[in-house]
Each structure stands twice: as C-alpha cells, then as structure tokens.
C-alpha cells in the first residue's frame, strides 16, 4: 500500500476529494497544511502531492527543493499541483526536483494516473541504477 502525503493550505475541496478517492482505492493518506510539518513527514510517504501555494514558512516548490536535499526523503515521488496559468510554477517545480506537475482543476483520476506514472518512472529508474551498480 502506498502512502500519499497531501500538502494543501486550508484543505481545499479538491484536495479533500483527492484524499477521499485515494483512500477508497486503499492508499494510506496523510493530509497536512504546513510545509515545515510536511518536510518533517516526507520520509514516511511514498508520494508527496503539494500545492504551490500552501501554508507554512515556505511554498510548495521550496518544499520540493528541501525534500530533494534531505537524504531521508530525496527518493520520494513528488507531484506539484497549482491553479491558473502556471508556466513559471511548472519551471520552478521541475527545477526543484518535482517528478510531476498538474494544474487545477484536476480530477482525482488525473492525479491517480500521475501518481502511477511517477511511481513507474521512479521504479524503472531505481532498477536501472541498481543494475548499473551491480554491473559497474
């Protein structure tokens, strides 16, 4: 079972819907609304889904950067979600190390597909890395 950490300020309706649908699909859900708390819990999750604009001492993109800098959590899959026109947010998110990026409104099926995509990509990357280490 995958653990998904949802990071969203004020727990917007779309994130509540994500948590409800993913929970029904047997994902283990953790919801949090503060980036500092999310960073402290990131190592316990398989996937972190964060909004760009979220409560706490830093935004969601900075959360991604800090996750990638943390040895305990840098291997976790991270998806960033934001509302509106997001070209700058998208560039910032990928530069910080995000595995995926979605814009709102976003249906739960779209998020589920993105979670599956990034988890598959991470699994393939880890497998390739492990083979290279054994052969190298």
C-alpha atoms as a PDB file:
ATOM      1  CA  UNK A   1       0.000   0.000   0.000  1.00  0.00           C
ATOM      2  CA  UNK A   2       1.327   3.421  -0.960  1.00  0.00           C
ATOM      3  CA  UNK A   3       1.341   6.301   1.497  1.00  0.00           C
ATOM      4  CA  UNK A   4       0.414   9.658  -0.025  1.00  0.00           C
ATOM      5  CA  UNK A   5       1.193  12.899   1.792  1.00  0.00           C
ATOM      6  CA  UNK A   6      -1.209  15.642   0.625  1.00  0.00           C
ATOM      7  CA  UNK A   7       0.070  19.150   1.373  1.00  0.00           C
ATOM      8  CA  UNK A   8      -2.513  21.909   0.923  1.00  0.00           C
ATOM      9  CA  UNK A   9      -3.376  25.040   2.842  1.00  0.00           C
ATOM     10  CA  UNK A  10      -6.875  25.157   4.321  1.00  0.00           C
ATOM     11  CA  UNK A  11      -7.549  21.712   2.856  1.00  0.00           C
ATOM     12  CA  UNK A  12      -9.376  22.883  -0.248  1.00  0.00           C
ATOM     13  CA  UNK A  13     -12.285  20.880  -1.616  1.00  0.00           C
ATOM     14  CA  UNK A  14     -10.221  19.384  -4.436  1.00  0.00           C
ATOM     15  CA  UNK A  15      -7.628  18.025  -2.007  1.00  0.00           C
ATOM     16  CA  UNK A  16     -10.391  16.658   0.236  1.00  0.00           C
ATOM     17  CA  UNK A  17     -11.795  14.903  -2.833  1.00  0.00           C
ATOM     18  CA  UNK A  18      -8.317  13.554  -3.699  1.00  0.00           C
ATOM     19  CA  UNK A  19      -7.927  12.199  -0.163  1.00  0.00           C
ATOM     20  CA  UNK A  20     -11.376  10.615  -0.225  1.00  0.00           C
ATOM     21  CA  UNK A  21     -10.947   8.930  -3.620  1.00  0.00           C
ATOM     22  CA  UNK A  22      -7.379   7.755  -2.992  1.00  0.00           C
ATOM     23  CA  UNK A  23      -8.419   6.474   0.431  1.00  0.00           C
ATOM     24  CA  UNK A  24     -11.228   4.447  -1.178  1.00  0.00           C
ATOM     25  CA  UNK A  25      -8.591   2.982  -3.500  1.00  0.00           C
ATOM     26  CA  UNK A  26      -6.678   1.806  -0.413  1.00  0.00           C
ATOM     27  CA  UNK A  27      -3.926   4.416  -0.450  1.00  0.00           C
ATOM     28  CA  UNK A  28      -2.769   5.365   3.036  1.00  0.00           C
ATOM     29  CA  UNK A  29      -3.487   9.105   3.241  1.00  0.00           C
ATOM     30  CA  UNK A  30      -1.811  11.796   5.358  1.00  0.00           C
ATOM     31  CA  UNK A  31      -3.149  15.342   4.989  1.00  0.00           C
ATOM     32  CA  UNK A  32      -1.198  18.339   6.225  1.00  0.00           C
ATOM     33  CA  UNK A  33      -1.399  22.096   5.709  1.00  0.00           C
ATOM     34  CA  UNK A  34       2.071  23.315   6.683  1.00  0.00           C
ATOM     35  CA  UNK A  35       5.256  22.933   4.648  1.00  0.00           C
ATOM     36  CA  UNK A  36       7.564  22.582   7.676  1.00  0.00           C
ATOM     37  CA  UNK A  37       5.409  19.762   9.047  1.00  0.00           C
ATOM     38  CA  UNK A  38       5.248  18.201   5.568  1.00  0.00           C
ATOM     39  CA  UNK A  39       9.044  18.240   5.311  1.00  0.00           C
ATOM     40  CA  UNK A  40       9.319  16.514   8.684  1.00  0.00           C
ATOM     41  CA  UNK A  41       6.928  13.775   7.494  1.00  0.00           C
ATOM     42  CA  UNK A  42       8.121  13.455   3.892  1.00  0.00           C
ATOM     43  CA  UNK A  43      10.376  10.482   4.615  1.00  0.00           C
ATOM     44  CA  UNK A  44       7.328   8.477   5.779  1.00  0.00           C
ATOM     45  CA  UNK A  45       5.473   8.830   2.463  1.00  0.00           C
ATOM     46  CA  UNK A  46       5.886   7.151  -0.899  1.00  0.00           C
ATOM     47  CA  UNK A  47       4.377  10.083  -2.793  1.00  0.00           C
ATOM     48  CA  UNK A  48       4.132  13.742  -1.817  1.00  0.00           C
ATOM     49  CA  UNK A  49       1.469  15.842  -3.541  1.00  0.00           C
ATOM     50  CA  UNK A  50       1.779  19.547  -2.799  1.00  0.00           C
ATOM     51  CA  UNK A  51       0.141  22.728  -3.938  1.00  0.00           C
ATOM     52  CA  UNK A  52       2.486  25.579  -4.848  1.00  0.00           C
ATOM     53  CA  UNK A  53       0.649  27.988  -2.581  1.00  0.00           C
ATOM     54  CA  UNK A  54       0.480  26.304   0.786  1.00  0.00           C
ATOM     55  CA  UNK A  55       0.733  27.364   4.415  1.00  0.00           C
ATOM     56  CA  UNK A  56       3.944  27.371   6.361  1.00  0.00           C
ATOM     57  CA  UNK A  57       7.284  29.099   6.285  1.00  0.00           C
ATOM     58  CA  UNK A  58       7.904  28.331   2.580  1.00  0.00           C
ATOM     59  CA  UNK A  59       5.892  27.464  -0.530  1.00  0.00           C
ATOM     60  CA  UNK A  60       5.360  24.080  -2.180  1.00  0.00           C
ATOM     61  CA  UNK A  61       8.205  24.500  -4.659  1.00  0.00           C
ATOM     62  CA  UNK A  62      10.641  25.210  -1.834  1.00  0.00           C
ATOM     63  CA  UNK A  63       9.233  22.123  -0.109  1.00  0.00           C
ATOM     64  CA  UNK A  64      10.213  20.069  -3.167  1.00  0.00           C
ATOM     65  CA  UNK A  65      13.737  21.544  -3.138  1.00  0.00           C
ATOM     66  CA  UNK A  66      14.128  20.742   0.558  1.00  0.00           C
ATOM     67  CA  UNK A  67      12.809  17.204   0.079  1.00  0.00           C
ATOM     68  CA  UNK A  68      15.416  16.627  -2.627  1.00  0.00           C
ATOM     69  CA  UNK A  69      18.113  17.962  -0.276  1.00  0.00           C
ATOM     70  CA  UNK A  70      17.050  15.661   2.594  1.00  0.00           C
ATOM     71  CA  UNK A  71      18.786  12.248   2.466  1.00  0.00           C
ATOM     72  CA  UNK A  72      15.831  10.618   4.236  1.00  0.00           C
ATOM     73  CA  UNK A  73      13.284  11.803   1.662  1.00  0.00           C
ATOM     74  CA  UNK A  74      15.081  12.603  -1.584  1.00  0.00           C
ATOM     75  CA  UNK A  75      13.994   9.333  -3.211  1.00  0.00           C
ATOM     76  CA  UNK A  76      10.273  10.059  -2.756  1.00  0.00           C
ATOM     77  CA  UNK A  77       7.994  10.784  -5.691  1.00  0.00           C
ATOM     78  CA  UNK A  78       6.792  14.408  -5.677  1.00  0.00           C
ATOM     79  CA  UNK A  79       3.899  15.892  -7.640  1.00  0.00           C
ATOM     80  CA  UNK A  80       3.121  19.618  -7.625  1.00  0.00           C
ATOM     81  CA  UNK A  81      -0.372  20.949  -8.295  1.00  0.00           C
ATOM     82  CA  UNK A  82      -1.347  24.580  -8.830  1.00  0.00           C
ATOM     83  CA  UNK A  83      -4.211  26.692 -10.120  1.00  0.00           C
ATOM     84  CA  UNK A  84      -4.242  29.047 -13.066  1.00  0.00           C
ATOM     85  CA  UNK A  85      -1.609  29.705 -15.676  1.00  0.00           C
ATOM     86  CA  UNK A  86       1.410  28.000 -14.264  1.00  0.00           C
ATOM     87  CA  UNK A  87       4.323  28.161 -16.700  1.00  0.00           C
ATOM     88  CA  UNK A  88       6.615  29.804 -14.149  1.00  0.00           C
ATOM     89  CA  UNK A  89       5.374  27.498 -11.373  1.00  0.00           C
ATOM     90  CA  UNK A  90       5.944  24.490 -13.622  1.00  0.00           C
ATOM     91  CA  UNK A  91       9.512  25.533 -14.477  1.00  0.00           C
ATOM     92  CA  UNK A  92      10.270  26.208 -10.809  1.00  0.00           C
ATOM     93  CA  UNK A  93       8.751  22.888  -9.720  1.00  0.00           C
ATOM     94  CA  UNK A  94      10.740  20.800 -12.202  1.00  0.00           C
ATOM     95  CA  UNK A  95      13.922  22.773 -11.444  1.00  0.00           C
ATOM     96  CA  UNK A  96      13.401  21.992  -7.731  1.00  0.00           C
ATOM     97  CA  UNK A  97      13.110  18.271  -8.495  1.00  0.00           C
ATOM     98  CA  UNK A  98       9.390  17.549  -8.940  1.00  0.00           C
ATOM     99  CA  UNK A  99       8.532  14.324 -10.756  1.00  0.00           C
ATOM    100  CA  UNK A 100       5.177  15.579 -11.995  1.00  0.00           C
ATOM    101  CA  UNK A 101       3.113  18.727 -12.357  1.00  0.00           C
ATOM    102  CA  UNK A 102      -0.655  19.172 -12.667  1.00  0.00           C
ATOM    103  CA  UNK A 103      -2.896  22.223 -12.936  1.00  0.00           C
ATOM    104  CA  UNK A 104      -6.220  22.770 -11.221  1.00  0.00           C
ATOM    105  CA  UNK A 105      -8.927  21.975 -11.719  1.00  0.00           C
ATOM    106  CA  UNK A 106      -7.675  18.410 -11.595  1.00  0.00           C
ATOM    107  CA  UNK A 107      -9.866  15.331 -11.388  1.00  0.00           C
ATOM    108  CA  UNK A 108      -8.917  12.531  -8.986  1.00  0.00           C
ATOM    109  CA  UNK A 109      -8.465  10.196 -11.983  1.00  0.00           C
ATOM    110  CA  UNK A 110      -5.866  12.583 -13.406  1.00  0.00           C
ATOM    111  CA  UNK A 111      -3.980  12.657 -10.108  1.00  0.00           C
ATOM    112  CA  UNK A 112      -4.173   8.870  -9.833  1.00  0.00           C
ATOM    113  CA  UNK A 113      -2.754   8.496 -13.357  1.00  0.00           C
ATOM    114  CA  UNK A 114       0.073  10.902 -12.497  1.00  0.00           C
ATOM    115  CA  UNK A 115       0.861   9.021  -9.269  1.00  0.00           C
ATOM    116  CA  UNK A 116       1.045   5.771 -11.227  1.00  0.00           C
ATOM    117  CA  UNK A 117       3.221   7.394 -13.909  1.00  0.00           C
ATOM    118  CA  UNK A 118       5.754   8.863 -11.479  1.00  0.00           C
ATOM    119  CA  UNK A 119       5.892   5.688  -9.398  1.00  0.00           C
ATOM    120  CA  UNK A 120       6.510   3.608 -12.535  1.00  0.00           C
ATOM    121  CA  UNK A 121       9.176   6.038 -13.728  1.00  0.00           C
ATOM    122  CA  UNK A 122      10.887   6.017 -10.320  1.00  0.00           C
ATOM    123  CA  UNK A 123      10.774   2.196 -10.196  1.00  0.00           C
ATOM    124  CA  UNK A 124      12.328   1.935 -13.643  1.00  0.00           C
ATOM    125  CA  UNK A 125      14.999   4.481 -12.755  1.00  0.00           C
ATOM    126  CA  UNK A 126      15.837   2.654  -9.497  1.00  0.00           C
ATOM    127  CA  UNK A 127      16.013  -0.684 -11.304  1.00  0.00           C
ATOM    128  CA  UNK A 128      18.387   0.739 -13.919  1.00  0.00           C
ATOM    129  CA  UNK A 129      20.544   2.297 -11.221  1.00  0.00           C
ATOM    130  CA  UNK A 130      20.691  -0.958  -9.241  1.00  0.00           C
ATOM    131  CA  UNK A 131      21.673  -2.929 -12.364  1.00  0.00           C
ATOM    132  CA  UNK A 132      24.388  -0.398 -13.201  1.00  0.00           C
ATOM    133  CA  UNK A 133      25.799  -0.604  -9.659  1.00  0.00           C
ATOM    134  CA  UNK A 134      25.881  -4.435  -9.771  1.00  0.00           C
ATOM    135  CA  UNK A 135      27.498  -4.447 -13.229  1.00  0.00           C
ATOM    136  CA  UNK A 136      29.820  -1.489 -12.622  1.00  0.00           C
END
